[in-house]
Protein backbone atom coordinates (compact mmCIF):
# COMPACT_ATOMS: atom_id res chain seq x y z
CA MET A 1 -23.99 -18.27 21.00
CA ALA A 2 -23.07 -17.98 17.17
CA LYS A 3 -19.03 -18.80 17.10
CA THR A 4 -18.85 -17.75 13.57
CA ASN A 5 -17.49 -14.13 12.87
CA PRO A 6 -19.99 -12.52 10.24
CA GLY A 7 -17.99 -9.38 11.01
CA ARG A 8 -18.19 -5.67 11.92
CA PHE A 9 -20.99 -3.62 10.31
CA PHE A 10 -20.59 0.11 10.60
CA GLU A 11 -23.04 0.02 13.39
CA ASP A 12 -20.51 -1.50 15.77
CA TYR A 13 -17.45 0.69 15.32
CA ALA A 14 -17.17 3.53 17.72
CA VAL A 15 -14.05 6.46 17.81
CA GLY A 16 -11.49 4.92 20.18
CA ASP A 17 -12.23 1.25 19.99
CA VAL A 18 -9.12 -0.71 19.65
CA LEU A 19 -8.85 -3.77 17.78
CA ARG A 20 -5.98 -6.20 18.72
CA HIS A 21 -5.93 -8.21 15.11
CA ALA A 22 -5.69 -12.23 15.39
CA VAL A 23 -3.21 -14.69 14.03
CA PRO A 24 0.47 -13.54 14.35
CA ARG A 25 2.53 -14.52 11.42
CA THR A 26 5.96 -15.49 10.94
CA VAL A 27 8.05 -14.58 7.55
CA SER A 28 9.66 -17.41 5.47
CA GLY A 29 11.92 -16.55 2.20
CA GLY A 30 8.55 -18.14 1.00
CA GLU A 31 6.57 -14.76 1.11
CA ARG A 32 9.40 -12.65 -0.64
CA ALA A 33 9.79 -15.41 -3.57
CA LEU A 34 5.90 -15.47 -3.85
CA TYR A 35 5.90 -11.54 -4.21
CA HIS A 36 8.02 -11.55 -6.91
CA ALA A 37 6.40 -14.21 -8.73
CA LEU A 38 3.49 -12.14 -8.38
CA TYR A 39 4.57 -8.98 -9.71
CA PRO A 40 7.47 -8.30 -12.05
CA ALA A 41 9.33 -6.95 -9.14
CA ARG A 42 12.94 -6.20 -9.78
CA HIS A 43 14.31 -3.96 -7.40
CA ALA A 44 17.66 -4.74 -6.60
CA LEU A 45 17.73 -4.39 -2.61
CA TYR A 46 15.00 -6.67 -2.13
CA SER A 47 16.64 -9.03 -4.86
CA SER A 48 19.68 -9.76 -4.03
CA ASP A 49 21.13 -10.41 -0.33
CA GLU A 50 24.89 -9.63 -1.97
CA PHE A 51 23.60 -5.79 -3.28
CA ALA A 52 21.94 -5.28 0.29
CA ARG A 53 24.66 -5.89 2.58
CA GLY A 54 26.94 -3.64 0.05
CA CYS A 55 24.12 -1.03 0.99
CA GLY A 56 24.83 -1.69 4.75
CA LEU A 57 21.95 -3.68 5.58
CA PRO A 58 22.47 -7.67 6.83
CA GLU A 59 20.07 -9.35 3.79
CA ALA A 60 17.30 -8.40 1.65
CA PRO A 61 14.40 -7.73 3.29
CA LEU A 62 10.89 -8.58 2.94
CA ASP A 63 9.76 -6.09 -0.25
CA ASP A 64 8.16 -2.79 2.21
CA LEU A 65 5.28 -3.32 -0.13
CA ALA A 66 5.09 -7.18 0.95
CA ALA A 67 4.98 -5.96 4.78
CA PHE A 68 2.68 -3.76 4.04
CA HIS A 69 0.12 -6.27 2.59
CA LEU A 70 0.77 -8.72 5.19
CA VAL A 71 -0.20 -6.21 8.08
CA PHE A 72 -2.87 -4.98 6.31
CA GLY A 73 -4.46 -8.46 5.75
CA LYS A 74 -4.61 -9.17 9.42
CA THR A 75 -6.72 -6.10 9.49
CA VAL A 76 -9.78 -7.37 7.35
CA PRO A 77 -11.94 -9.81 9.27
CA ASP A 78 -11.90 -6.84 12.07
CA VAL A 79 -12.28 -3.55 9.48
CA SER A 80 -12.98 -4.69 6.15
CA LEU A 81 -14.45 -8.09 5.89
CA ASN A 82 -17.96 -6.18 5.17
CA ALA A 83 -16.35 -3.33 2.82
CA VAL A 84 -17.79 -2.08 0.08
CA ALA A 85 -14.48 -0.06 -1.00
CA ASN A 86 -11.30 0.50 0.94
CA LEU A 87 -11.08 4.61 -0.05
CA GLY A 88 -7.70 5.87 0.88
CA TYR A 89 -4.25 6.04 3.11
CA ALA A 90 -2.59 8.80 4.92
CA GLU A 91 0.61 9.31 7.10
CA GLY A 92 2.01 5.73 6.49
CA ARG A 93 5.37 5.13 7.50
CA TRP A 94 8.08 2.64 7.25
CA HIS A 95 10.02 2.24 10.68
CA ARG A 96 12.57 -0.65 10.14
CA PRO A 97 13.08 -3.41 7.68
CA VAL A 98 11.00 -7.13 7.72
CA TYR A 99 13.33 -10.17 7.62
CA ALA A 100 12.96 -13.53 6.90
CA GLY A 101 12.43 -14.93 10.74
CA ASP A 102 10.47 -12.18 11.77
CA THR A 103 6.92 -12.57 13.21
CA LEU A 104 4.43 -9.83 12.64
CA ARG A 105 1.09 -8.41 14.18
CA ALA A 106 -1.37 -5.93 13.78
CA GLU A 107 -3.81 -4.03 15.70
CA SER A 108 -5.64 -0.96 14.75
CA GLU A 109 -7.60 2.11 16.87
CA VAL A 110 -10.72 3.57 15.21
CA ILE A 111 -9.96 7.22 15.10
CA GLY A 112 -13.32 8.55 13.05
CA VAL A 113 -16.73 7.53 11.86
CA LYS A 114 -19.23 9.22 9.66
CA GLN A 115 -22.76 7.62 8.12
CA ASN A 116 -23.40 8.29 4.04
CA SER A 117 -26.17 9.97 2.96
CA ASN A 118 -27.84 6.96 2.14
CA GLY A 119 -27.87 5.36 5.49
CA LYS A 120 -26.80 2.19 4.09
CA SER A 121 -23.15 2.49 4.77
CA GLY A 122 -20.45 4.85 6.35
CA VAL A 123 -16.92 5.09 6.54
CA VAL A 124 -14.62 4.36 8.97
CA TYR A 125 -11.25 5.74 10.02
CA VAL A 126 -8.31 3.79 11.39
CA ARG A 127 -5.09 3.65 12.42
CA THR A 128 -2.97 0.48 11.97
CA ARG A 129 0.31 -0.40 13.45
CA GLY A 130 2.64 -3.37 12.62
CA LEU A 131 4.49 -4.56 15.19
CA ASN A 132 7.04 -7.54 15.15
CA GLN A 133 8.04 -10.07 17.80
CA HIS A 134 10.05 -7.44 19.81
CA ASP A 135 7.11 -5.27 19.94
CA ASP A 136 9.08 -2.98 17.50
CA LEU A 137 6.97 -0.46 15.69
CA VAL A 138 7.50 -1.93 11.82
CA LEU A 139 4.54 0.47 10.00
CA ASP A 140 2.19 2.17 10.72
CA TYR A 141 -0.69 3.99 8.45
CA VAL A 142 -4.33 5.60 8.62
CA ARG A 143 -6.87 4.02 6.32
CA TRP A 144 -10.53 5.16 5.74
CA VAL A 145 -12.71 1.77 4.27
CA MET A 146 -16.81 2.21 3.22
CA VAL A 147 -18.76 -0.42 5.21
CA ARG A 148 -22.18 -2.06 5.06
CA LYS A 149 -24.55 -1.28 7.59
CA GLY A 150 -26.01 -4.61 9.16
CA ASP A 151 -29.06 -2.89 11.04
CA LEU A 152 -30.24 0.29 8.15
CA ASP A 153 -32.10 1.64 11.48
CA ALA A 154 -29.61 1.85 13.99
CA PRO A 155 -28.51 5.59 14.52
CA ALA A 156 -26.11 7.40 12.78
CA PRO A 157 -23.12 7.87 15.21
CA GLN A 158 -21.55 11.16 15.78
CA THR A 159 -19.53 12.26 12.84
CA VAL A 160 -15.65 12.17 13.38
CA ILE A 161 -13.24 12.93 10.95
CA PRO A 162 -9.85 12.62 11.65
CA ASP A 163 -7.58 15.77 10.85
CA VAL A 164 -4.53 13.75 9.20
CA GLN A 165 -1.08 14.82 7.34
CA ASN A 166 -1.27 15.30 3.87
CA VAL A 167 2.34 14.81 3.10
CA ILE A 168 4.94 13.22 5.63
CA ARG A 169 8.11 15.62 5.97
CA ALA A 170 10.78 14.69 5.32
CA GLU A 171 12.80 14.99 8.26
CA ASP A 172 10.33 12.24 10.06
CA LEU A 173 11.29 9.55 7.39
CA VAL A 174 12.86 6.55 8.72
CA VAL A 175 16.04 5.80 7.26
CA PRO A 176 16.56 1.65 8.42
CA ALA A 177 19.69 1.63 10.47
CA GLY A 178 22.97 1.01 8.54
CA LEU A 179 21.39 1.93 5.63
CA GLN A 180 23.97 3.41 3.11
CA PHE A 181 24.47 4.21 -0.95
CA ASP A 182 28.42 4.72 -0.64
CA SER A 183 29.34 1.76 -2.52
CA TYR A 184 26.16 1.62 -4.55
CA ASP A 185 26.13 -0.37 -7.84
CA PHE A 186 23.81 1.19 -10.49
CA VAL A 187 25.13 -1.64 -12.96
CA GLN A 188 23.53 -4.24 -10.69
CA ALA A 189 20.53 -1.58 -9.79
CA GLY A 190 19.56 -1.77 -13.34
CA GLU A 191 19.90 2.33 -14.01
CA ALA A 192 22.28 4.87 -13.79
CA HIS A 193 19.92 8.32 -12.78
CA ARG A 194 20.38 9.50 -9.42
CA LEU A 195 18.40 11.76 -6.95
CA ALA A 196 20.27 14.51 -9.04
CA ASP A 197 19.22 13.28 -12.18
CA TYR A 198 15.43 14.00 -11.76
CA GLU A 199 13.72 16.95 -11.57
CA ILE A 200 10.89 18.38 -9.51
CA GLY A 201 7.72 18.17 -11.80
CA GLU A 202 9.38 15.89 -14.16
CA GLN A 203 7.15 12.70 -15.55
CA ILE A 204 7.86 9.56 -16.24
CA ASP A 205 5.90 7.42 -18.58
CA HIS A 206 6.71 3.61 -17.49
CA VAL A 207 5.87 2.19 -20.99
CA ASP A 208 4.67 -2.15 -19.49
CA GLY A 209 1.67 -2.65 -19.15
CA VAL A 210 0.49 -6.35 -17.40
CA THR A 211 -2.66 -7.55 -17.66
CA VAL A 212 -4.27 -8.58 -14.60
CA GLU A 213 -5.43 -12.51 -14.02
CA GLU A 214 -8.16 -14.10 -12.13
CA ALA A 215 -5.48 -17.12 -10.50
CA GLU A 216 -3.10 -14.45 -9.61
CA HIS A 217 -4.66 -11.73 -7.95
CA MET A 218 -6.87 -14.70 -6.11
CA LEU A 219 -3.50 -16.13 -5.13
CA ALA A 220 -2.01 -12.49 -3.76
CA THR A 221 -5.79 -12.27 -1.54
CA ARG A 222 -5.15 -15.57 -0.17
CA LEU A 223 -1.07 -15.14 0.57
CA TRP A 224 -2.08 -12.32 2.71
CA GLN A 225 -5.33 -13.51 4.03
CA ASN A 226 -7.05 -11.08 2.82
CA THR A 227 -10.83 -11.92 3.42
CA ALA A 228 -12.73 -9.53 2.44
CA LYS A 229 -15.82 -10.84 0.67
CA VAL A 230 -15.72 -8.39 -2.19
CA HIS A 231 -12.40 -9.92 -3.36
CA PHE A 232 -12.91 -13.33 -3.71
CA ASP A 233 -16.82 -14.03 -3.17
CA THR A 234 -18.68 -12.94 -6.25
CA THR A 235 -21.81 -13.03 -5.08
CA ALA A 236 -20.61 -9.83 -3.00
CA ARG A 237 -21.20 -7.72 -5.64
CA PRO A 238 -24.31 -6.77 -7.58
CA ASP A 239 -22.53 -7.68 -11.22
CA GLY A 240 -20.99 -10.60 -9.75
CA SER A 241 -17.50 -9.73 -10.58
CA ARG A 242 -14.55 -10.17 -7.92
CA LEU A 243 -12.78 -6.80 -6.84
CA ILE A 244 -9.16 -6.83 -7.29
CA TYR A 245 -7.23 -5.88 -4.37
CA GLY A 246 -6.21 -2.90 -4.45
CA GLY A 247 -2.83 -3.58 -3.14
CA HIS A 248 -2.47 -5.49 -5.83
CA VAL A 249 -2.86 -2.90 -7.98
CA ILE A 250 -0.66 -0.44 -5.82
CA SER A 251 2.22 -3.50 -6.09
CA MET A 252 1.82 -4.09 -9.89
CA ALA A 253 2.34 -0.25 -10.44
CA ARG A 254 5.32 -0.22 -8.40
CA ALA A 255 6.62 -3.38 -9.72
CA LEU A 256 5.94 -1.79 -13.05
CA SER A 257 7.53 1.95 -12.06
CA PHE A 258 11.11 0.01 -12.28
CA ASN A 259 11.62 1.01 -15.80
CA GLY A 260 12.47 4.70 -15.39
CA LEU A 261 12.82 4.40 -11.11
CA ALA A 262 14.89 0.87 -10.76
CA ASN A 263 16.85 3.40 -7.71
CA ALA A 264 14.11 4.15 -5.98
CA GLN A 265 14.54 1.90 -3.68
CA MET A 266 13.31 1.86 -0.66
CA ILE A 267 9.72 3.13 0.37
CA VAL A 268 9.48 5.15 3.66
CA GLY A 269 6.04 7.12 3.51
CA LEU A 270 3.00 6.92 2.18
CA ASN A 271 1.44 10.46 1.82
CA GLY A 272 -1.99 9.51 0.49
CA GLY A 273 -3.57 7.28 -1.74
CA ALA A 274 -7.04 6.89 -4.02
CA HIS A 275 -8.41 3.77 -5.13
CA ALA A 276 -9.87 5.73 -8.09
CA ASN A 277 -11.49 3.40 -10.16
CA PRO A 278 -12.29 -0.34 -9.19
CA CYS A 279 -9.79 -3.31 -11.27
CA THR A 280 -11.73 -6.58 -12.08
CA SER A 281 -10.04 -9.41 -14.12
CA GLY A 282 -8.77 -8.87 -18.02
CA MET A 283 -7.26 -4.91 -17.26
CA THR A 284 -4.32 -4.27 -18.49
CA ILE A 285 -2.18 -2.20 -15.76
CA ARG A 286 0.03 1.00 -16.96
CA ALA A 287 1.75 3.23 -15.06
CA TRP A 288 3.18 6.45 -14.82
CA SER A 289 5.32 8.81 -12.39
CA GLU A 290 5.70 13.01 -11.20
CA VAL A 291 8.43 13.87 -9.43
CA LEU A 292 6.44 15.76 -6.68
CA ASP A 293 9.79 16.69 -4.15
CA LYS A 294 13.28 15.95 -3.61
CA ALA A 295 14.73 16.12 0.02
CA GLU A 296 18.02 14.85 2.02
CA THR A 297 17.66 13.01 5.11
CA GLY A 298 20.44 13.34 7.44
CA VAL A 299 22.58 10.14 5.99
CA PRO A 300 25.25 10.88 3.66
CA GLY A 301 24.34 9.10 0.29
CA VAL A 302 20.89 8.10 1.30
CA GLY A 303 18.46 10.90 -0.63
CA ALA A 304 14.52 10.96 -0.24
CA ILE A 305 11.67 11.28 -3.54
CA ARG A 306 8.48 11.88 -3.34
CA LEU A 307 6.41 10.42 -5.89
CA ARG A 308 3.04 10.33 -7.28
CA LEU A 309 2.73 6.65 -8.89
CA VAL A 310 -0.56 6.41 -11.38
CA ALA A 311 -2.14 3.25 -12.30
CA THR A 312 -4.14 3.36 -15.31
CA SER A 313 -6.11 0.89 -17.18
CA GLY A 314 -5.95 2.81 -20.57
CA GLY A 315 -5.68 6.40 -21.97
CA GLU A 316 -2.87 8.58 -22.57
CA PRO A 317 -0.26 8.46 -20.24
CA PHE A 318 -0.16 11.91 -17.53
CA ALA A 319 -3.98 11.76 -18.05
CA LEU A 320 -5.69 11.99 -14.39
CA ARG A 321 -8.54 13.88 -14.25
CA GLY A 322 -11.44 15.18 -16.40
CA ASP A 323 -12.84 18.86 -16.81
CA ASP A 324 -15.17 17.96 -13.76
CA GLY A 325 -12.10 17.56 -11.31
CA LYS A 326 -12.79 13.86 -10.42
CA TYR A 327 -10.77 11.41 -11.94
CA LEU A 328 -10.81 9.70 -15.47
CA PRO A 329 -12.70 6.35 -15.46
CA GLU A 330 -9.43 4.51 -16.50
CA VAL A 331 -7.43 5.73 -13.29
CA LEU A 332 -7.19 2.87 -11.02
CA LEU A 333 -4.59 4.50 -8.26
CA ASP A 334 -3.50 7.31 -7.33
CA LEU A 335 -0.37 7.19 -4.86
CA ASP A 336 1.91 9.72 -3.32
CA TYR A 337 4.85 8.30 -1.46
CA TRP A 338 8.28 8.76 -0.58
CA ALA A 339 11.03 6.50 -1.51
CA LEU A 340 14.85 6.50 -0.80
CA MET A 341 17.79 7.04 -3.76
CA PRO A 342 21.06 7.13 -3.73
CA VAL A 343 21.81 10.81 -4.20
């Protein structure tokens, strides 16, 4: 009997399968420091213990996207080791912060399958839950990924496409216990703009750009223990390139968005997301945002802002789709999320 894991292929998934992913991971301050080294991440709530305490938290938590990457990485050997591409996200919610000393694990349920018309691959839909050492839910999300078939003669399964929410309702967002912005220090945060200063429909060019280097994305992929072959094995793609992990693009764009959205402190909801075009080493990532909605949270002083975050490899800001309705070739990421911001 083979003792190595070749990964699951499309025909190995069935709706209702529950995948309990291996190797829990205890988080230390090292993850936070390395995350800030990989990305120009400057949001104050994650950078300063004292700032976080001033906002009612016991200390600065691990960046929300770092927690997402950590949980995501756990799922790769069982969900996307043989992936062609990660396609999208929905219904993502952060339920509680992650602090140094917490141990995270992950489990996923297969909620949909659809074979592609070429018969060589299919799309697998999973709902993933990240839990801490107390079995408390830290975050959950739906994602769908295109996976190669191992046996091209395997019969196509019955198509099941899950019905997922396009937008998480503001009243379903979770504000971390104790969080308050009554004594929020706008000077220390880096900008004076609060929720009331943003208008629905407003677009923000984040101005800056960062060129992706081979070494840094490889370090990020290994940090999150993402073993998908297309990210580190040059023989896994026909052109011999290593595909940049989509989470790396998300974090880079989020970090760039600090310039103009420094007070969008905590990501608490992921409404949807698409990796529109592949990113490879040498590309320069730029970002722009659009304000889609604003809402109250029920916690005094804490509001929610819904943002579209778009990462590009060039072109003019605020250009998203062509006349044919398809994403422009320079668009790398189209992400729709909720963040908490002082009102």
